[in-house]
PDB file of all heavy atoms in Angstrom:
ATOM      1  N   GLN A   1     -12.395  -9.622 -97.661  1.00  0.00           N
ATOM      2  CA  GLN A   1     -11.427 -10.312 -98.513  1.00  0.00           C
ATOM      3  C   GLN A   1     -12.075 -11.421 -99.341  1.00  0.00           C
ATOM      4  O   GLN A   1     -11.463 -11.921-100.282  1.00  0.00           O
ATOM      5  CB  GLN A   1     -10.308 -10.901 -97.653  1.00  0.00           C
ATOM      6  CG  GLN A   1      -9.506  -9.851 -96.929  1.00  0.00           C
ATOM      7  CD  GLN A   1      -8.506 -10.457 -95.964  1.00  0.00           C
ATOM      8  OE1 GLN A   1      -8.055 -11.575 -96.133  1.00  0.00           O
ATOM      9  NE2 GLN A   1      -8.160  -9.706 -94.938  1.00  0.00           N
ATOM     10  N   THR A   2     -13.296 -11.820 -98.980  1.00  0.00           N
ATOM     11  CA  THR A   2     -14.007 -12.870 -99.692  1.00  0.00           C
ATOM     12  C   THR A   2     -14.797 -12.250-100.838  1.00  0.00           C
ATOM     13  O   THR A   2     -15.541 -11.290-100.636  1.00  0.00           O
ATOM     14  CB  THR A   2     -14.976 -13.604 -98.737  1.00  0.00           C
ATOM     15  OG1 THR A   2     -14.246 -14.071 -97.610  1.00  0.00           O
ATOM     16  CG2 THR A   2     -15.660 -14.757 -99.429  1.00  0.00           C
ATOM     17  N   ILE A   3     -14.638 -12.798-102.024  1.00  0.00           N
ATOM     18  CA  ILE A   3     -15.335 -12.267-103.193  1.00  0.00           C
ATOM     19  C   ILE A   3     -16.840 -12.424-103.008  1.00  0.00           C
ATOM     20  O   ILE A   3     -17.325 -13.435-102.517  1.00  0.00           O
ATOM     21  CB  ILE A   3     -14.857 -12.989-104.467  1.00  0.00           C
ATOM     22  CG1 ILE A   3     -13.384 -12.666-104.700  1.00  0.00           C
ATOM     23  CG2 ILE A   3     -15.705 -12.616-105.667  1.00  0.00           C
ATOM     24  CD1 ILE A   3     -12.736 -13.459-105.804  1.00  0.00           C
ATOM     25  N   GLY A   4     -17.588 -11.410-103.400  1.00  0.00           N
ATOM     26  CA  GLY A   4     -19.045 -11.457-103.345  1.00  0.00           C
ATOM     27  C   GLY A   4     -19.615 -10.217-102.690  1.00  0.00           C
ATOM     28  O   GLY A   4     -18.888  -9.334-102.245  1.00  0.00           O
ATOM     29  N   THR A   5     -20.919 -10.162-102.618  1.00  0.00           N
ATOM     30  CA  THR A   5     -21.608  -9.048-101.986  1.00  0.00           C
ATOM     31  C   THR A   5     -21.257  -9.028-100.506  1.00  0.00           C
ATOM     32  O   THR A   5     -21.194 -10.062 -99.858  1.00  0.00           O
ATOM     33  CB  THR A   5     -23.130  -9.192-102.170  1.00  0.00           C
ATOM     34  OG1 THR A   5     -23.397  -9.294-103.562  1.00  0.00           O
ATOM     35  CG2 THR A   5     -23.876  -8.017-101.597  1.00  0.00           C
ATOM     36  N   LYS A   6     -21.026  -7.857 -99.948  1.00  0.00           N
ATOM     37  CA  LYS A   6     -20.526  -7.725 -98.584  1.00  0.00           C
ATOM     38  C   LYS A   6     -21.577  -7.346 -97.553  1.00  0.00           C
ATOM     39  O   LYS A   6     -21.730  -8.016 -96.551  1.00  0.00           O
ATOM     40  CB  LYS A   6     -19.386  -6.697 -98.541  1.00  0.00           C
ATOM     41  CG  LYS A   6     -18.216  -7.047 -99.414  1.00  0.00           C
ATOM     42  CD  LYS A   6     -17.490  -8.284 -98.930  1.00  0.00           C
ATOM     43  CE  LYS A   6     -17.832  -9.501 -99.703  1.00  0.00           C
ATOM     44  NZ  LYS A   6     -17.506 -10.768 -99.173  1.00  0.00           N
ATOM     45  N   HIS A   7     -22.247  -6.224 -97.738  1.00  0.00           N
ATOM     46  CA  HIS A   7     -23.158  -5.741 -96.709  1.00  0.00           C
ATOM     47  C   HIS A   7     -23.997  -4.587 -97.271  1.00  0.00           C
ATOM     48  O   HIS A   7     -23.653  -4.011 -98.294  1.00  0.00           O
ATOM     49  CB  HIS A   7     -22.392  -5.251 -95.473  1.00  0.00           C
ATOM     50  CG  HIS A   7     -21.353  -4.229 -95.795  1.00  0.00           C
ATOM     51  ND1 HIS A   7     -20.024  -4.547 -95.948  1.00  0.00           N
ATOM     52  CD2 HIS A   7     -21.429  -2.893 -96.026  1.00  0.00           C
ATOM     53  CE1 HIS A   7     -19.333  -3.469 -96.252  1.00  0.00           C
ATOM     54  NE2 HIS A   7     -20.174  -2.440 -96.305  1.00  0.00           N
ATOM     55  N   ALA A   8     -25.066  -4.263 -96.566  1.00  0.00           N
ATOM     56  CA  ALA A   8     -25.810  -3.029 -96.825  1.00  0.00           C
ATOM     57  C   ALA A   8     -25.231  -1.972 -95.892  1.00  0.00           C
ATOM     58  O   ALA A   8     -24.790  -2.285 -94.783  1.00  0.00           O
ATOM     59  CB  ALA A   8     -27.291  -3.229 -96.547  1.00  0.00           C
ATOM     60  N   ALA A   9     -25.217  -0.732 -96.337  1.00  0.00           N
ATOM     61  CA  ALA A   9     -24.698   0.365 -95.520  1.00  0.00           C
ATOM     62  C   ALA A   9     -25.732   1.477 -95.448  1.00  0.00           C
ATOM     63  O   ALA A   9     -26.407   1.765 -96.439  1.00  0.00           O
ATOM     64  CB  ALA A   9     -23.388   0.896 -96.103  1.00  0.00           C
ATOM     65  N   PHE A  10     -25.832   2.087 -94.268  1.00  0.00           N
ATOM     66  CA  PHE A  10     -26.795   3.163 -94.047  1.00  0.00           C
ATOM     67  C   PHE A  10     -26.077   4.365 -93.458  1.00  0.00           C
ATOM     68  O   PHE A  10     -25.215   4.217 -92.583  1.00  0.00           O
ATOM     69  CB  PHE A  10     -27.886   2.706 -93.072  1.00  0.00           C
ATOM     70  CG  PHE A  10     -28.692   1.539 -93.579  1.00  0.00           C
ATOM     71  CD1 PHE A  10     -28.308   0.247 -93.279  1.00  0.00           C
ATOM     72  CD2 PHE A  10     -29.813   1.752 -94.349  1.00  0.00           C
ATOM     73  CE1 PHE A  10     -29.051  -0.839 -93.745  1.00  0.00           C
ATOM     74  CE2 PHE A  10     -30.552   0.679 -94.823  1.00  0.00           C
ATOM     75  CZ  PHE A  10     -30.162  -0.621 -94.515  1.00  0.00           C
ATOM     76  N   GLU A  11     -26.453   5.547 -93.906  1.00  0.00           N
ATOM     77  CA  GLU A  11     -25.915   6.777 -93.326  1.00  0.00           C
ATOM     78  C   GLU A  11     -26.741   7.146 -92.103  1.00  0.00           C
ATOM     79  O   GLU A  11     -27.966   7.024 -92.109  1.00  0.00           O
ATOM     80  CB  GLU A  11     -25.968   7.919 -94.351  1.00  0.00           C
ATOM     81  CG  GLU A  11     -25.344   9.200 -93.832  1.00  0.00           C
ATOM     82  CD  GLU A  11     -25.289  10.314 -94.860  1.00  0.00           C
ATOM     83  OE1 GLU A  11     -25.511  10.049 -96.053  1.00  0.00           O
ATOM     84  OE2 GLU A  11     -25.026  11.457 -94.450  1.00  0.00           O
ATOM     85  N   VAL A  12     -26.054   7.597 -91.055  1.00  0.00           N
ATOM     86  CA  VAL A  12     -26.728   8.012 -89.826  1.00  0.00           C
ATOM     87  C   VAL A  12     -26.283   9.426 -89.465  1.00  0.00           C
ATOM     88  O   VAL A  12     -25.235   9.882 -89.907  1.00  0.00           O
ATOM     89  CB  VAL A  12     -26.434   7.041 -88.662  1.00  0.00           C
ATOM     90  CG1 VAL A  12     -26.863   5.633 -89.010  1.00  0.00           C
ATOM     91  CG2 VAL A  12     -24.978   7.050 -88.265  1.00  0.00           C
ATOM     92  N   ASP A  13     -27.093  10.108 -88.665  1.00  0.00           N
ATOM     93  CA  ASP A  13     -26.715  11.464 -88.275  1.00  0.00           C
ATOM     94  C   ASP A  13     -26.263  11.569 -86.818  1.00  0.00           C
ATOM     95  O   ASP A  13     -25.803  12.611 -86.393  1.00  0.00           O
ATOM     96  CB  ASP A  13     -27.838  12.461 -88.566  1.00  0.00           C
ATOM     97  CG  ASP A  13     -29.138  12.129 -87.872  1.00  0.00           C
ATOM     98  OD1 ASP A  13     -29.168  11.201 -87.033  1.00  0.00           O
ATOM     99  OD2 ASP A  13     -30.141  12.787 -88.173  1.00  0.00           O
ATOM    100  N   ASP A  14     -26.372  10.462 -86.044  1.00  0.00           N
ATOM    101  CA  ASP A  14     -25.923  10.481 -84.648  1.00  0.00           C
ATOM    102  C   ASP A  14     -25.480   9.074 -84.253  1.00  0.00           C
ATOM    103  O   ASP A  14     -26.279   8.275 -83.749  1.00  0.00           O
ATOM    104  CB  ASP A  14     -27.045  10.979 -83.739  1.00  0.00           C
ATOM    105  CG  ASP A  14     -26.596  11.194 -82.300  1.00  0.00           C
ATOM    106  OD1 ASP A  14     -25.531  10.678 -81.899  1.00  0.00           O
ATOM    107  OD2 ASP A  14     -27.325  11.882 -81.562  1.00  0.00           O
ATOM    108  N   MET A  15     -24.222   8.761 -84.499  1.00  0.00           N
ATOM    109  CA  MET A  15     -23.700   7.414 -84.236  1.00  0.00           C
ATOM    110  C   MET A  15     -23.770   7.065 -82.757  1.00  0.00           C
ATOM    111  O   MET A  15     -24.069   5.927 -82.399  1.00  0.00           O
ATOM    112  CB  MET A  15     -22.262   7.295 -84.749  1.00  0.00           C
ATOM    113  CG  MET A  15     -21.727   5.879 -84.719  1.00  0.00           C
ATOM    114  SD  MET A  15     -22.531   4.765 -85.896  1.00  0.00           S
ATOM    115  CE  MET A  15     -21.649   5.223 -87.393  1.00  0.00           C
ATOM    116  N   LYS A  16     -23.500   8.045 -81.891  1.00  0.00           N
ATOM    117  CA  LYS A  16     -23.538   7.786 -80.447  1.00  0.00           C
ATOM    118  C   LYS A  16     -24.934   7.330 -80.019  1.00  0.00           C
ATOM    119  O   LYS A  16     -25.081   6.347 -79.293  1.00  0.00           O
ATOM    120  CB  LYS A  16     -23.116   9.034 -79.670  1.00  0.00           C
ATOM    121  CG  LYS A  16     -23.076   8.830 -78.179  1.00  0.00           C
ATOM    122  CD  LYS A  16     -22.648  10.082 -77.430  1.00  0.00           C
ATOM    123  CE  LYS A  16     -22.714   9.834 -75.930  1.00  0.00           C
ATOM    124  NZ  LYS A  16     -22.546  11.044 -75.167  1.00  0.00           N
ATOM    125  N   ALA A  17     -25.960   8.022 -80.463  1.00  0.00           N
ATOM    126  CA  ALA A  17     -27.331   7.651 -80.110  1.00  0.00           C
ATOM    127  C   ALA A  17     -27.698   6.293 -80.709  1.00  0.00           C
ATOM    128  O   ALA A  17     -28.382   5.483 -80.071  1.00  0.00           O
ATOM    129  CB  ALA A  17     -28.313   8.723 -80.592  1.00  0.00           C
ATOM    130  N   LEU A  18     -27.238   6.033 -81.938  1.00  0.00           N
ATOM    131  CA  LEU A  18     -27.515   4.746 -82.563  1.00  0.00           C
ATOM    132  C   LEU A  18     -26.857   3.614 -81.773  1.00  0.00           C
ATOM    133  O   LEU A  18     -27.483   2.581 -81.520  1.00  0.00           O
ATOM    134  CB  LEU A  18     -27.032   4.735 -84.014  1.00  0.00           C
ATOM    135  CG  LEU A  18     -27.335   3.462 -84.794  1.00  0.00           C
ATOM    136  CD1 LEU A  18     -28.839   3.259 -84.948  1.00  0.00           C
ATOM    137  CD2 LEU A  18     -26.665   3.510 -86.162  1.00  0.00           C
ATOM    138  N   LYS A  19     -25.616   3.824 -81.352  1.00  0.00           N
ATOM    139  CA  LYS A  19     -24.931   2.794 -80.569  1.00  0.00           C
ATOM    140  C   LYS A  19     -25.675   2.542 -79.259  1.00  0.00           C
ATOM    141  O   LYS A  19     -25.839   1.388 -78.846  1.00  0.00           O
ATOM    142  CB  LYS A  19     -23.486   3.181 -80.297  1.00  0.00           C
ATOM    143  CG  LYS A  19     -22.755   2.102 -79.519  1.00  0.00           C
ATOM    144  CD  LYS A  19     -21.299   2.420 -79.304  1.00  0.00           C
ATOM    145  CE  LYS A  19     -20.623   1.294 -78.536  1.00  0.00           C
ATOM    146  NZ  LYS A  19     -19.199   1.538 -78.338  1.00  0.00           N
ATOM    147  N   GLU A  20     -26.132   3.594 -78.597  1.00  0.00           N
ATOM    148  CA  GLU A  20     -26.907   3.427 -77.363  1.00  0.00           C
ATOM    149  C   GLU A  20     -28.159   2.603 -77.625  1.00  0.00           C
ATOM    150  O   GLU A  20     -28.522   1.730 -76.816  1.00  0.00           O
ATOM    151  CB  GLU A  20     -27.258   4.790 -76.766  1.00  0.00           C
ATOM    152  CG  GLU A  20     -26.057   5.531 -76.201  1.00  0.00           C
ATOM    153  CD  GLU A  20     -26.361   6.969 -75.803  1.00  0.00           C
ATOM    154  OE1 GLU A  20     -27.532   7.419 -75.954  1.00  0.00           O
ATOM    155  OE2 GLU A  20     -25.421   7.659 -75.352  1.00  0.00           O
ATOM    156  N   HIS A  21     -28.832   2.860 -78.751  1.00  0.00           N
ATOM    157  CA  HIS A  21     -30.019   2.090 -79.158  1.00  0.00           C
ATOM    158  C   HIS A  21     -29.648   0.622 -79.360  1.00  0.00           C
ATOM    159  O   HIS A  21     -30.351  -0.273 -78.892  1.00  0.00           O
ATOM    160  CB  HIS A  21     -30.606   2.701 -80.438  1.00  0.00           C
ATOM    161  CG  HIS A  21     -31.680   1.890 -81.072  1.00  0.00           C
ATOM    162  ND1 HIS A  21     -32.965   1.820 -80.571  1.00  0.00           N
ATOM    163  CD2 HIS A  21     -31.653   1.114 -82.188  1.00  0.00           C
ATOM    164  CE1 HIS A  21     -33.685   1.032 -81.356  1.00  0.00           C
ATOM    165  NE2 HIS A  21     -32.908   0.595 -82.335  1.00  0.00           N
ATOM    166  N   PHE A  22     -28.535   0.380 -80.047  1.00  0.00           N
ATOM    167  CA  PHE A  22     -28.098  -0.991 -80.287  1.00  0.00           C
ATOM    168  C   PHE A  22     -27.766  -1.708 -78.977  1.00  0.00           C
ATOM    169  O   PHE A  22     -28.154  -2.856 -78.772  1.00  0.00           O
ATOM    170  CB  PHE A  22     -26.890  -1.024 -81.227  1.00  0.00           C
ATOM    171  CG  PHE A  22     -27.194  -0.685 -82.658  1.00  0.00           C
ATOM    172  CD1 PHE A  22     -26.182  -0.282 -83.506  1.00  0.00           C
ATOM    173  CD2 PHE A  22     -28.481  -0.771 -83.176  1.00  0.00           C
ATOM    174  CE1 PHE A  22     -26.435   0.019 -84.832  1.00  0.00           C
ATOM    175  CE2 PHE A  22     -28.747  -0.462 -84.500  1.00  0.00           C
ATOM    176  CZ  PHE A  22     -27.726  -0.069 -85.329  1.00  0.00           C
ATOM    177  N   VAL A  23     -27.059  -1.041 -78.094  1.00  0.00           N
ATOM    178  CA  VAL A  23     -26.702  -1.642 -76.805  1.00  0.00           C
ATOM    179  C   VAL A  23     -27.974  -1.973 -76.019  1.00  0.00           C
ATOM    180  O   VAL A  23     -28.088  -3.062 -75.437  1.00  0.00           O
ATOM    181  CB  VAL A  23     -25.756  -0.712 -76.009  1.00  0.00           C
ATOM    182  CG1 VAL A  23     -25.600  -1.189 -74.567  1.00  0.00           C
ATOM    183  CG2 VAL A  23     -24.394  -0.620 -76.698  1.00  0.00           C
ATOM    184  N   ALA A  24     -28.948  -1.078 -76.026  1.00  0.00           N
ATOM    185  CA  ALA A  24     -30.209  -1.313 -75.317  1.00  0.00           C
ATOM    186  C   ALA A  24     -30.973  -2.505 -75.880  1.00  0.00           C
ATOM    187  O   ALA A  24     -31.745  -3.146 -75.173  1.00  0.00           O
ATOM    188  CB  ALA A  24     -31.084  -0.061 -75.363  1.00  0.00           C
ATOM    189  N   HIS A  25     -30.755  -2.804 -77.170  1.00  0.00           N
ATOM    190  CA  HIS A  25     -31.430  -3.931 -77.824  1.00  0.00           C
ATOM    191  C   HIS A  25     -30.519  -5.158 -77.956  1.00  0.00           C
ATOM    192  O   HIS A  25     -30.832  -6.083 -78.711  1.00  0.00           O
ATOM    193  CB  HIS A  25     -31.953  -3.505 -79.193  1.00  0.00           C
ATOM    194  CG  HIS A  25     -33.184  -2.669 -79.115  1.00  0.00           C
ATOM    195  ND1 HIS A  25     -33.146  -1.304 -78.901  1.00  0.00           N
ATOM    196  CD2 HIS A  25     -34.497  -2.989 -79.185  1.00  0.00           C
ATOM    197  CE1 HIS A  25     -34.374  -0.835 -78.860  1.00  0.00           C
ATOM    198  NE2 HIS A  25     -35.213  -1.831 -79.018  1.00  0.00           N
ATOM    199  N   ASN A  26     -29.402  -5.157 -77.236  1.00  0.00           N
ATOM    200  CA  ASN A  26     -28.464  -6.286 -77.240  1.00  0.00           C
ATOM    201  C   ASN A  26     -27.987  -6.667 -78.641  1.00  0.00           C
ATOM    202  O   ASN A  26     -27.812  -7.847 -78.953  1.00  0.00           O
ATOM    203  CB  ASN A  26     -29.080  -7.510 -76.550  1.00  0.00           C
ATOM    204  CG  ASN A  26     -29.382  -7.229 -75.103  1.00  0.00           C
ATOM    205  OD1 ASN A  26     -28.535  -6.696 -74.381  1.00  0.00           O
ATOM    206  ND2 ASN A  26     -30.585  -7.551 -74.676  1.00  0.00           N
ATOM    207  N   VAL A  27     -27.782  -5.661 -79.479  1.00  0.00           N
ATOM    208  CA  VAL A  27     -27.291  -5.898 -80.839  1.00  0.00           C
ATOM    209  C   VAL A  27     -25.801  -6.237 -80.777  1.00  0.00           C
ATOM    210  O   VAL A  27     -25.045  -5.639 -80.012  1.00  0.00           O
ATOM    211  CB  VAL A  27     -27.536  -4.653 -81.724  1.00  0.00           C
ATOM    212  CG1 VAL A  27     -26.860  -4.791 -83.078  1.00  0.00           C
ATOM    213  CG2 VAL A  27     -29.034  -4.427 -81.898  1.00  0.00           C
ATOM    214  N   ASP A  28     -25.411  -7.190 -81.598  1.00  0.00           N
ATOM    215  CA  ASP A  28     -24.016  -7.617 -81.686  1.00  0.00           C
ATOM    216  C   ASP A  28     -23.235  -6.603 -82.529  1.00  0.00           C
ATOM    217  O   ASP A  28     -23.378  -6.561 -83.748  1.00  0.00           O
ATOM    218  CB  ASP A  28     -23.973  -9.005 -82.324  1.00  0.00           C
ATOM    219  CG  ASP A  28     -22.577  -9.600 -82.379  1.00  0.00           C
ATOM    220  OD1 ASP A  28     -21.634  -8.994 -81.823  1.00  0.00           O
ATOM    221  OD2 ASP A  28     -22.437 -10.674 -82.990  1.00  0.00           O
ATOM    222  N   ILE A  29     -22.446  -5.765 -81.866  1.00  0.00           N
ATOM    223  CA  ILE A  29     -21.622  -4.769 -82.562  1.00  0.00           C
ATOM    224  C   ILE A  29     -20.307  -5.445 -82.926  1.00  0.00           C
ATOM    225  O   ILE A  29     -19.548  -5.872 -82.058  1.00  0.00           O
ATOM    226  CB  ILE A  29     -21.397  -3.523 -81.699  1.00  0.00           C
ATOM    227  CG1 ILE A  29     -22.756  -2.851 -81.411  1.00  0.00           C
ATOM    228  CG2 ILE A  29     -20.439  -2.555 -82.386  1.00  0.00           C
ATOM    229  CD1 ILE A  29     -22.701  -1.706 -80.421  1.00  0.00           C
ATOM    230  N   ALA A  30     -20.032  -5.549 -84.227  1.00  0.00           N
ATOM    231  CA  ALA A  30     -18.891  -6.302 -84.727  1.00  0.00           C
ATOM    232  C   ALA A  30     -17.615  -5.476 -84.814  1.00  0.00           C
ATOM    233  O   ALA A  30     -16.522  -6.005 -84.630  1.00  0.00           O
ATOM    234  CB  ALA A  30     -19.210  -6.891 -86.095  1.00  0.00           C
ATOM    235  N   HIS A  31     -17.758  -4.166 -85.119  1.00  0.00           N
ATOM    236  CA  HIS A  31     -16.564  -3.380 -85.421  1.00  0.00           C
ATOM    237  C   HIS A  31     -16.917  -1.896 -85.387  1.00  0.00           C
ATOM    238  O   HIS A  31     -17.972  -1.508 -85.869  1.00  0.00           O
ATOM    239  CB  HIS A  31     -16.077  -3.771 -86.826  1.00  0.00           C
ATOM    240  CG  HIS A  31     -14.806  -3.135 -87.258  1.00  0.00           C
ATOM    241  ND1 HIS A  31     -13.583  -3.472 -86.741  1.00  0.00           N
ATOM    242  CD2 HIS A  31     -14.560  -2.181 -88.193  1.00  0.00           C
ATOM    243  CE1 HIS A  31     -12.639  -2.769 -87.345  1.00  0.00           C
ATOM    244  NE2 HIS A  31     -13.208  -1.978 -88.216  1.00  0.00           N
ATOM    245  N   GLU A  32     -16.032  -1.090 -84.803  1.00  0.00           N
ATOM    246  CA  GLU A  32     -16.189   0.363 -84.815  1.00  0.00           C
ATOM    247  C   GLU A  32     -14.852   0.978 -85.163  1.00  0.00           C
ATOM    248  O   GLU A  32     -13.819   0.544 -84.662  1.00  0.00           O
ATOM    249  CB  GLU A  32     -16.626   0.879 -83.451  1.00  0.00           C
ATOM    250  CG  GLU A  32     -17.994   0.416 -83.017  1.00  0.00           C
ATOM    251  CD  GLU A  32     -18.316   0.926 -81.625  1.00  0.00           C
ATOM    252  OE1 GLU A  32     -18.750   2.097 -81.514  1.00  0.00           O
ATOM    253  OE2 GLU A  32     -18.112   0.168 -80.662  1.00  0.00           O
ATOM    254  N   VAL A  33     -14.874   1.994 -86.015  1.00  0.00           N
ATOM    255  CA  VAL A  33     -13.646   2.646 -86.427  1.00  0.00           C
ATOM    256  C   VAL A  33     -13.981   4.047 -86.937  1.00  0.00           C
ATOM    257  O   VAL A  33     -15.112   4.300 -87.356  1.00  0.00           O
ATOM    258  CB  VAL A  33     -12.917   1.814 -87.521  1.00  0.00           C
ATOM    259  CG1 VAL A  33     -13.701   1.780 -88.816  1.00  0.00           C
ATOM    260  CG2 VAL A  33     -11.508   2.303 -87.742  1.00  0.00           C
ATOM    261  N   THR A  34     -12.991   4.937 -86.871  1.00  0.00           N
ATOM    262  CA  THR A  34     -13.115   6.245 -87.519  1.00  0.00           C
ATOM    263  C   THR A  34     -12.148   6.236 -88.690  1.00  0.00           C
ATOM    264  O   THR A  34     -10.966   5.936 -88.528  1.00  0.00           O
ATOM    265  CB  THR A  34     -12.763   7.389 -86.542  1.00  0.00           C
ATOM    266  OG1 THR A  34     -13.677   7.329 -85.444  1.00  0.00           O
ATOM    267  CG2 THR A  34     -12.883   8.739 -87.237  1.00  0.00           C
ATOM    268  N   MET A  35     -12.673   6.510 -89.882  1.00  0.00           N
ATOM    269  CA  MET A  35     -11.862   6.527 -91.099  1.00  0.00           C
ATOM    270  C   MET A  35     -12.123   7.820 -91.851  1.00  0.00           C
ATOM    271  O   MET A  35     -13.282   8.135 -92.135  1.00  0.00           O
ATOM    272  CB  MET A  35     -12.214   5.329 -92.001  1.00  0.00           C
ATOM    273  CG  MET A  35     -11.842   4.011 -91.385  1.00  0.00           C
ATOM    274  SD  MET A  35     -12.240   2.512 -92.333  1.00  0.00           S
ATOM    275  CE  MET A  35     -12.685   3.044 -93.930  1.00  0.00           C
ATOM    276  N   ASP A  36     -11.064   8.554 -92.129  1.00  0.00           N
ATOM    277  CA  ASP A  36     -11.183   9.822 -92.855  1.00  0.00           C
ATOM    278  C   ASP A  36     -12.214  10.744 -92.212  1.00  0.00           C
ATOM    279  O   ASP A  36     -12.991  11.409 -92.900  1.00  0.00           O
ATOM    280  CB  ASP A  36     -11.536   9.580 -94.324  1.00  0.00           C
ATOM    281  CG  ASP A  36     -10.455   8.796 -95.051  1.00  0.00           C
ATOM    282  OD1 ASP A  36      -9.269   8.986 -94.718  1.00  0.00           O
ATOM    283  OD2 ASP A  36     -10.798   8.000 -95.952  1.00  0.00           O
ATOM    284  N   GLY A  37     -12.265  10.757 -90.874  1.00  0.00           N
ATOM    285  CA  GLY A  37     -13.177  11.625 -90.149  1.00  0.00           C
ATOM    286  C   GLY A  37     -14.608  11.113 -90.059  1.00  0.00           C
ATOM    287  O   GLY A  37     -15.465  11.787 -89.492  1.00  0.00           O
ATOM    288  N   GLU A  38     -14.878   9.933 -90.617  1.00  0.00           N
ATOM    289  CA  GLU A  38     -16.222   9.366 -90.563  1.00  0.00           C
ATOM    290  C   GLU A  38     -16.269   8.239 -89.535  1.00  0.00           C
ATOM    291  O   GLU A  38     -15.361   7.410 -89.469  1.00  0.00           O
ATOM    292  CB  GLU A  38     -16.634   8.816 -91.939  1.00  0.00           C
ATOM    293  CG  GLU A  38     -16.713   9.870 -93.009  1.00  0.00           C
ATOM    294  CD  GLU A  38     -17.100   9.311 -94.367  1.00  0.00           C
ATOM    295  OE1 GLU A  38     -17.112   8.080 -94.566  1.00  0.00           O
ATOM    296  OE2 GLU A  38     -17.388  10.139 -95.247  1.00  0.00           O
ATOM    297  N   SER A  39     -17.346   8.220 -88.735  1.00  0.00           N
ATOM    298  CA  SER A  39     -17.556   7.116 -87.797  1.00  0.00           C
ATOM    299  C   SER A  39     -18.203   5.967 -88.554  1.00  0.00           C
ATOM    300  O   SER A  39     -19.185   6.165 -89.271  1.00  0.00           O
ATOM    301  CB  SER A  39     -18.474   7.547 -86.656  1.00  0.00           C
ATOM    302  OG  SER A  39     -17.846   8.534 -85.875  1.00  0.00           O
ATOM    303  N   VAL A  40     -17.654   4.782 -88.368  1.00  0.00           N
ATOM    304  CA  VAL A  40     -18.159   3.586 -89.049  1.00  0.00           C
ATOM    305  C   VAL A  40     -18.413   2.509 -87.997  1.00  0.00           C
ATOM    306  O   VAL A  40     -17.581   2.286 -87.119  1.00  0.00           O
ATOM    307  CB  VAL A  40     -17.145   3.069 -90.092  1.00  0.00           C
ATOM    308  CG1 VAL A  40     -17.640   1.782 -90.749  1.00  0.00           C
ATOM    309  CG2 VAL A  40     -16.850   4.132 -91.140  1.00  0.00           C
ATOM    310  N   MET A  41     -19.576   1.870 -88.092  1.00  0.00           N
ATOM    311  CA  MET A  41     -19.903   0.772 -87.187  1.00  0.00           C
ATOM    312  C   MET A  41     -20.544  -0.355 -87.989  1.00  0.00           C
ATOM    313  O   MET A  41     -21.415  -0.108 -88.818  1.00  0.00           O
ATOM    314  CB  MET A  41     -20.883   1.237 -86.095  1.00  0.00           C
ATOM    315  CG  MET A  41     -21.259   0.123 -85.140  1.00  0.00           C
ATOM    316  SD  MET A  41     -22.364   0.564 -83.743  1.00  0.00           S
ATOM    317  CE  MET A  41     -22.880   2.197 -84.026  1.00  0.00           C
ATOM    318  N   PHE A  42     -20.080  -1.575 -87.728  1.00  0.00           N
ATOM    319  CA  PHE A  42     -20.702  -2.771 -88.286  1.00  0.00           C
ATOM    320  C   PHE A  42     -21.419  -3.501 -87.165  1.00  0.00           C
ATOM    321  O   PHE A  42     -20.873  -3.643 -86.061  1.00  0.00           O
ATOM    322  CB  PHE A  42     -19.652  -3.725 -88.874  1.00  0.00           C
ATOM    323  CG  PHE A  42     -19.144  -3.338 -90.225  1.00  0.00           C
ATOM    324  CD1 PHE A  42     -18.070  -2.483 -90.359  1.00  0.00           C
ATOM    325  CD2 PHE A  42     -19.739  -3.847 -91.373  1.00  0.00           C
ATOM    326  CE1 PHE A  42     -17.570  -2.141 -91.598  1.00  0.00           C
ATOM    327  CE2 PHE A  42     -19.260  -3.507 -92.631  1.00  0.00           C
ATOM    328  CZ  PHE A  42     -18.168  -2.660 -92.747  1.00  0.00           C
TER     329      PHE A  42
END
């Protein structure tokens, strides 16, 4: 909702494996949602 540049986005081919990698590295997962059949994670 704040005007300005928001984020960089990357396409992935295995969200589950990526999330496991993030959890193993103590990455702060901000948000997960499925929209229009696509898995999205911030």
